[in-house]
Amino acid sequence: MTNDETNDHDRIHRSPSPGWLAVVAVTLFVASIAVNLLMSGGGHYPNPYQPGPETENYFLQHPGMMRVMGFLQFGASIPLGLLAAVIVSRLRLAPRPYTGTLRESEKQGDESS
């Protein structure tokens, strides 16, 4: 095995596919919104600017729905965090382009030696 083949083999990124992580995160988040519609009987989610008793009443009437929504949204945050880590890791692994130019200070330093 040549040195070039070794470098190519070492540069393979071993991580989950970013596409699948994104699909899972979005699916879980959309499912949490669908749960709101299905379990509340089509009722609207309360506006944070509504009076306190109306909002409190909504959450007291639907405790099971809130648990399921919270579980699904927390579940969506895990693949979303993994997606961010994979993308950052892949960006760091990507080769940096060589521009072929030197800064003026480097050119002057070489001439004075």
C-alpha atoms as a PDB file:
ATOM      1  CA  MET A   1       0.000   0.000   0.000  1.00  0.00           C
ATOM      2  CA  THR A   2       1.426   3.346  -1.007  1.00  0.00           C
ATOM      3  CA  ASN A   3       1.498   6.444   1.117  1.00  0.00           C
ATOM      4  CA  ASP A   4      -1.272   8.084  -0.987  1.00  0.00           C
ATOM      5  CA  GLU A   5      -3.589   5.109  -0.434  1.00  0.00           C
ATOM      6  CA  THR A   6      -2.986   5.256   3.314  1.00  0.00           C
ATOM      7  CA  ASN A   7      -3.849   8.958   3.438  1.00  0.00           C
ATOM      8  CA  ASP A   8      -7.069   8.406   1.450  1.00  0.00           C
ATOM      9  CA  HIS A   9      -8.092   5.560   3.756  1.00  0.00           C
ATOM     10  CA  ASP A  10      -7.434   7.656   6.877  1.00  0.00           C
ATOM     11  CA  ARG A  11      -9.524  10.541   5.522  1.00  0.00           C
ATOM     12  CA  ILE A  12     -12.754   8.516   5.313  1.00  0.00           C
ATOM     13  CA  HIS A  13     -15.232  10.195   7.629  1.00  0.00           C
ATOM     14  CA  ARG A  14     -16.855   7.641   9.909  1.00  0.00           C
ATOM     15  CA  SER A  15     -20.114   9.198  11.046  1.00  0.00           C
ATOM     16  CA  PRO A  16     -23.836   8.950  10.409  1.00  0.00           C
ATOM     17  CA  SER A  17     -25.176  10.474   7.236  1.00  0.00           C
ATOM     18  CA  PRO A  18     -26.144  14.137   7.775  1.00  0.00           C
ATOM     19  CA  GLY A  19     -29.162  13.624   5.538  1.00  0.00           C
ATOM     20  CA  TRP A  20     -30.608  10.866   7.700  1.00  0.00           C
ATOM     21  CA  LEU A  21     -29.950  12.806  10.889  1.00  0.00           C
ATOM     22  CA  ALA A  22     -31.797  15.812   9.449  1.00  0.00           C
ATOM     23  CA  VAL A  23     -34.722  13.647   8.313  1.00  0.00           C
ATOM     24  CA  VAL A  24     -35.056  12.047  11.760  1.00  0.00           C
ATOM     25  CA  ALA A  25     -34.868  15.403  13.577  1.00  0.00           C
ATOM     26  CA  VAL A  26     -37.476  17.042  11.329  1.00  0.00           C
ATOM     27  CA  THR A  27     -39.762  13.986  11.446  1.00  0.00           C
ATOM     28  CA  LEU A  28     -39.756  13.915  15.245  1.00  0.00           C
ATOM     29  CA  PHE A  29     -40.395  17.649  15.446  1.00  0.00           C
ATOM     30  CA  VAL A  30     -43.285  17.509  12.962  1.00  0.00           C
ATOM     31  CA  ALA A  31     -44.686  14.509  14.851  1.00  0.00           C
ATOM     32  CA  SER A  32     -44.704  16.579  18.044  1.00  0.00           C
ATOM     33  CA  ILE A  33     -46.768  19.246  16.285  1.00  0.00           C
ATOM     34  CA  ALA A  34     -49.132  16.601  14.875  1.00  0.00           C
ATOM     35  CA  VAL A  35     -49.601  15.189  18.382  1.00  0.00           C
ATOM     36  CA  ASN A  36     -50.793  18.615  19.484  1.00  0.00           C
ATOM     37  CA  LEU A  37     -53.455  18.653  16.778  1.00  0.00           C
ATOM     38  CA  LEU A  38     -54.547  15.046  17.268  1.00  0.00           C
ATOM     39  CA  MET A  39     -54.635  14.830  21.061  1.00  0.00           C
ATOM     40  CA  SER A  40     -56.212  18.241  21.661  1.00  0.00           C
ATOM     41  CA  GLY A  41     -59.049  17.596  19.230  1.00  0.00           C
ATOM     42  CA  GLY A  42     -57.867  20.277  16.811  1.00  0.00           C
ATOM     43  CA  GLY A  43     -57.593  22.986  19.446  1.00  0.00           C
ATOM     44  CA  HIS A  44     -55.043  25.715  18.937  1.00  0.00           C
ATOM     45  CA  TYR A  45     -51.875  25.990  21.009  1.00  0.00           C
ATOM     46  CA  PRO A  46     -52.178  28.919  23.433  1.00  0.00           C
ATOM     47  CA  ASN A  47     -50.604  32.241  22.595  1.00  0.00           C
ATOM     48  CA  PRO A  48     -48.055  33.374  25.204  1.00  0.00           C
ATOM     49  CA  TYR A  49     -49.720  36.814  25.241  1.00  0.00           C
ATOM     50  CA  GLN A  50     -53.098  35.428  26.315  1.00  0.00           C
ATOM     51  CA  PRO A  51     -54.189  35.957  29.902  1.00  0.00           C
ATOM     52  CA  GLY A  52     -52.610  33.497  32.349  1.00  0.00           C
ATOM     53  CA  PRO A  53     -55.765  31.584  33.322  1.00  0.00           C
ATOM     54  CA  GLU A  54     -56.545  30.674  29.685  1.00  0.00           C
ATOM     55  CA  THR A  55     -53.051  29.301  29.089  1.00  0.00           C
ATOM     56  CA  GLU A  56     -53.025  27.486  32.425  1.00  0.00           C
ATOM     57  CA  ASN A  57     -56.412  25.964  31.657  1.00  0.00           C
ATOM     58  CA  TYR A  58     -55.154  24.606  28.308  1.00  0.00           C
ATOM     59  CA  PHE A  59     -52.159  22.872  29.893  1.00  0.00           C
ATOM     60  CA  LEU A  60     -54.243  21.469  32.744  1.00  0.00           C
ATOM     61  CA  GLN A  61     -56.716  19.971  30.258  1.00  0.00           C
ATOM     62  CA  HIS A  62     -54.002  18.257  28.161  1.00  0.00           C
ATOM     63  CA  PRO A  63     -51.253  16.904  30.461  1.00  0.00           C
ATOM     64  CA  GLY A  64     -50.713  13.676  28.477  1.00  0.00           C
ATOM     65  CA  MET A  65     -50.368  15.584  25.224  1.00  0.00           C
ATOM     66  CA  MET A  66     -47.748  17.859  26.761  1.00  0.00           C
ATOM     67  CA  ARG A  67     -45.713  14.854  27.952  1.00  0.00           C
ATOM     68  CA  VAL A  68     -45.767  13.258  24.496  1.00  0.00           C
ATOM     69  CA  MET A  69     -44.896  16.576  22.811  1.00  0.00           C
ATOM     70  CA  GLY A  70     -42.012  17.147  25.210  1.00  0.00           C
ATOM     71  CA  PHE A  71     -40.712  13.615  24.661  1.00  0.00           C
ATOM     72  CA  LEU A  72     -40.808  13.983  20.867  1.00  0.00           C
ATOM     73  CA  GLN A  73     -39.195  17.426  20.896  1.00  0.00           C
ATOM     74  CA  PHE A  74     -36.429  16.221  23.202  1.00  0.00           C
ATOM     75  CA  GLY A  75     -36.028  13.219  20.901  1.00  0.00           C
ATOM     76  CA  ALA A  76     -35.674  15.602  17.954  1.00  0.00           C
ATOM     77  CA  SER A  77     -32.958  17.567  19.745  1.00  0.00           C
ATOM     78  CA  ILE A  78     -30.629  14.547  19.943  1.00  0.00           C
ATOM     79  CA  PRO A  79     -30.264  13.937  16.180  1.00  0.00           C
ATOM     80  CA  LEU A  80     -30.155  17.708  15.676  1.00  0.00           C
ATOM     81  CA  GLY A  81     -27.161  17.944  18.034  1.00  0.00           C
ATOM     82  CA  LEU A  82     -25.511  14.992  16.310  1.00  0.00           C
ATOM     83  CA  LEU A  83     -26.122  16.674  12.950  1.00  0.00           C
ATOM     84  CA  ALA A  84     -24.350  19.814  14.133  1.00  0.00           C
ATOM     85  CA  ALA A  85     -21.401  17.754  15.416  1.00  0.00           C
ATOM     86  CA  VAL A  86     -21.126  15.765  12.165  1.00  0.00           C
ATOM     87  CA  ILE A  87     -21.211  18.888  10.000  1.00  0.00           C
ATOM     88  CA  VAL A  88     -18.545  20.633  12.084  1.00  0.00           C
ATOM     89  CA  SER A  89     -16.411  17.495  11.998  1.00  0.00           C
ATOM     90  CA  ARG A  90     -16.751  17.183   8.234  1.00  0.00           C
ATOM     91  CA  LEU A  91     -15.873  20.839   7.724  1.00  0.00           C
ATOM     92  CA  ARG A  92     -12.697  20.386   9.758  1.00  0.00           C
ATOM     93  CA  LEU A  93     -11.789  17.268   7.762  1.00  0.00           C
ATOM     94  CA  ALA A  94     -12.263  19.020   4.406  1.00  0.00           C
ATOM     95  CA  PRO A  95      -9.027  19.965   2.659  1.00  0.00           C
ATOM     96  CA  ARG A  96      -8.114  23.626   2.760  1.00  0.00           C
ATOM     97  CA  PRO A  97      -7.541  25.218  -0.656  1.00  0.00           C
ATOM     98  CA  TYR A  98      -4.080  26.553  -1.450  1.00  0.00           C
ATOM     99  CA  THR A  99      -4.232  30.011  -2.982  1.00  0.00           C
ATOM    100  CA  GLY A 100      -0.624  30.013  -4.169  1.00  0.00           C
ATOM    101  CA  THR A 101       0.057  33.541  -2.971  1.00  0.00           C
ATOM    102  CA  LEU A 102       2.171  34.836  -0.125  1.00  0.00           C
ATOM    103  CA  ARG A 103       1.486  37.831   2.008  1.00  0.00           C
ATOM    104  CA  GLU A 104       3.645  40.888   1.419  1.00  0.00           C
ATOM    105  CA  SER A 105       5.366  40.473   4.794  1.00  0.00           C
ATOM    106  CA  GLU A 106       6.424  36.906   3.891  1.00  0.00           C
ATOM    107  CA  LYS A 107       7.795  38.053   0.512  1.00  0.00           C
ATOM    108  CA  GLN A 108       9.879  40.799   2.119  1.00  0.00           C
ATOM    109  CA  GLY A 109      11.173  38.399   4.793  1.00  0.00           C
ATOM    110  CA  ASP A 110      12.509  36.025   2.124  1.00  0.00           C
ATOM    111  CA  GLU A 111      14.304  38.822   0.204  1.00  0.00           C
ATOM    112  CA  SER A 112      16.113  40.186   3.265  1.00  0.00           C
ATOM    113  CA  SER A 113      17.697  36.804   4.134  1.00  0.00           C
END
